Protein backbone atom coordinates (compact mmCIF):
# COMPACT_ATOMS: atom_id res chain seq x y z
CA GLN A 1 -13.57 -2.10 12.83
CA VAL A 2 -11.42 -2.12 9.70
CA GLN A 3 -8.78 -4.69 8.91
CA LEU A 4 -6.18 -4.45 6.16
CA VAL A 5 -4.37 -7.54 4.91
CA GLU A 6 -1.43 -7.28 2.54
CA SER A 7 -0.23 -10.01 0.23
CA GLY A 8 2.21 -10.46 -2.62
CA GLY A 9 5.49 -9.74 -0.92
CA GLY A 10 8.49 -11.98 -1.33
CA LEU A 11 11.97 -12.36 -2.72
CA VAL A 12 12.83 -11.09 -6.19
CA GLN A 13 16.01 -10.36 -8.12
CA ALA A 14 17.02 -6.84 -9.05
CA GLY A 15 15.17 -5.72 -12.14
CA GLY A 16 12.23 -7.96 -11.40
CA SER A 17 8.65 -7.16 -10.51
CA LEU A 18 6.16 -7.77 -7.74
CA ARG A 19 2.51 -6.91 -7.32
CA LEU A 20 1.26 -6.21 -3.83
CA SER A 21 -2.38 -6.34 -2.83
CA CYS A 22 -4.16 -5.05 0.24
CA ALA A 23 -7.78 -5.87 0.96
CA ALA A 24 -9.84 -3.96 3.50
CA SER A 25 -12.59 -5.67 5.42
CA GLY A 26 -14.88 -4.98 8.34
CA SER A 27 -17.76 -2.64 9.02
CA ILE A 28 -16.74 -0.16 6.34
CA PHE A 29 -18.95 2.76 5.48
CA ARG A 30 -16.54 4.55 3.20
CA ILE A 31 -12.88 4.41 2.23
CA ASN A 32 -11.35 7.65 1.09
CA ALA A 33 -7.63 7.56 0.28
CA MET A 34 -5.55 4.40 0.38
CA GLY A 35 -1.81 4.17 0.24
CA TRP A 36 1.42 2.27 0.54
CA TYR A 37 4.33 3.05 2.82
CA ARG A 38 7.55 1.20 3.47
CA GLN A 39 10.17 0.93 6.16
CA ALA A 40 13.66 -0.40 5.58
CA PRO A 41 15.93 -1.59 8.41
CA GLY A 42 17.39 1.38 10.24
CA LYS A 43 15.27 3.87 8.34
CA GLN A 44 12.06 5.75 9.01
CA ARG A 45 8.79 4.80 7.41
CA GLU A 46 8.34 6.62 4.13
CA LEU A 47 5.59 7.27 1.66
CA VAL A 48 5.49 5.10 -1.44
CA ALA A 49 2.23 6.17 -3.07
CA THR A 50 -1.33 7.17 -2.31
CA ILE A 51 -4.54 7.07 -4.29
CA THR A 52 -7.90 8.70 -3.67
CA SER A 53 -11.26 7.10 -4.26
CA GLY A 54 -11.45 9.15 -7.45
CA GLY A 55 -8.16 7.79 -8.75
CA ASN A 56 -5.81 10.69 -8.08
CA THR A 57 -2.33 9.39 -7.32
CA ASN A 58 0.74 10.67 -5.55
CA TYR A 59 4.19 9.07 -5.63
CA ALA A 60 7.45 9.57 -3.86
CA ASP A 61 10.14 10.70 -6.30
CA SER A 62 12.21 7.54 -5.98
CA MET A 63 9.26 5.36 -6.95
CA LYS A 64 7.85 7.50 -9.72
CA GLY A 65 8.05 5.77 -13.07
CA ARG A 66 8.69 2.34 -11.55
CA PHE A 67 5.76 1.80 -9.21
CA THR A 68 2.09 2.10 -9.98
CA ILE A 69 -0.69 2.30 -7.42
CA SER A 70 -4.24 1.37 -8.30
CA ARG A 71 -7.42 0.37 -6.54
CA ASP A 72 -10.65 -1.49 -7.01
CA ASN A 73 -13.25 0.40 -5.02
CA SER A 74 -15.84 -2.34 -5.35
CA LYS A 75 -13.45 -4.77 -3.68
CA ASN A 76 -11.97 -2.31 -1.18
CA THR A 77 -8.56 -3.31 -2.45
CA VAL A 78 -5.44 -1.33 -3.28
CA TYR A 79 -2.58 -2.62 -5.40
CA LEU A 80 1.04 -1.69 -5.90
CA GLN A 81 2.75 -2.84 -9.09
CA MET A 82 6.50 -2.64 -8.59
CA ASN A 83 8.78 -2.87 -11.62
CA SER A 84 12.53 -2.50 -12.10
CA LEU A 85 13.08 -3.33 -8.47
CA LYS A 86 16.35 -2.36 -6.83
CA PRO A 87 18.04 -3.71 -3.71
CA GLU A 88 17.29 -0.40 -2.00
CA ASP A 89 13.59 -1.17 -2.40
CA THR A 90 13.98 -3.89 0.21
CA ALA A 91 11.64 -3.05 3.07
CA VAL A 92 8.47 -3.96 4.87
CA TYR A 93 5.61 -2.51 2.87
CA TYR A 94 2.49 -1.34 4.68
CA CYS A 95 -0.84 -0.38 3.24
CA ASN A 96 -3.19 2.06 4.88
CA ALA A 97 -6.66 3.43 4.44
CA ASP A 98 -8.52 6.54 5.47
CA ALA A 99 -11.92 5.10 6.27
CA SER A 100 -15.09 5.50 8.28
CA THR A 101 -17.20 2.71 9.74
CA TRP A 102 -20.93 2.19 10.10
CA ALA A 103 -20.54 2.76 13.82
CA LEU A 104 -18.86 6.13 13.28
CA VAL A 105 -20.09 7.24 9.89
CA LYS A 106 -19.03 10.86 10.28
CA TYR A 107 -15.58 10.13 11.65
CA ASP A 108 -12.63 9.05 9.51
CA SER A 109 -9.71 7.12 10.92
CA ILE A 110 -6.41 5.86 9.54
CA TYR A 111 -5.96 2.10 9.50
CA TRP A 112 -2.77 0.15 8.87
CA GLY A 113 -2.03 -3.33 7.66
CA GLN A 114 0.47 -5.64 9.30
CA GLY A 115 3.04 -5.21 6.54
CA THR A 116 4.55 -7.55 3.98
CA GLN A 117 8.25 -8.12 3.41
CA VAL A 118 9.78 -7.30 0.05
CA THR A 119 13.36 -8.38 -0.48
CA VAL A 120 15.29 -7.53 -3.64
CA SER A 121 18.55 -9.36 -4.21
CA SER A 122 21.50 -8.06 -6.24
């Protein structure tokens, strides 16, 4: 019912920047919070940042001050601006959305994108 497609990942040198985008599509009635998570090789998936439809944000401590999450509600798109990237930021980055569909207006579900690879070289 809801599809999330990430873009913007790639290879960047330490200290560089990347901007990730994730667009939601499908039979969307409402999107509440959206967020970014990441998973590095051999590690568990961890929170990067979340943002509500009203613009309230939440960041993991290691990303605070370097990463910025934003969204365009009219486009059902969430962004992640990543600055001062470090090799330890290398991971697959996933976006997600808490959303309801026209088929199930009163029921919210969590949807995940397929992930996009971010690689930061030394």
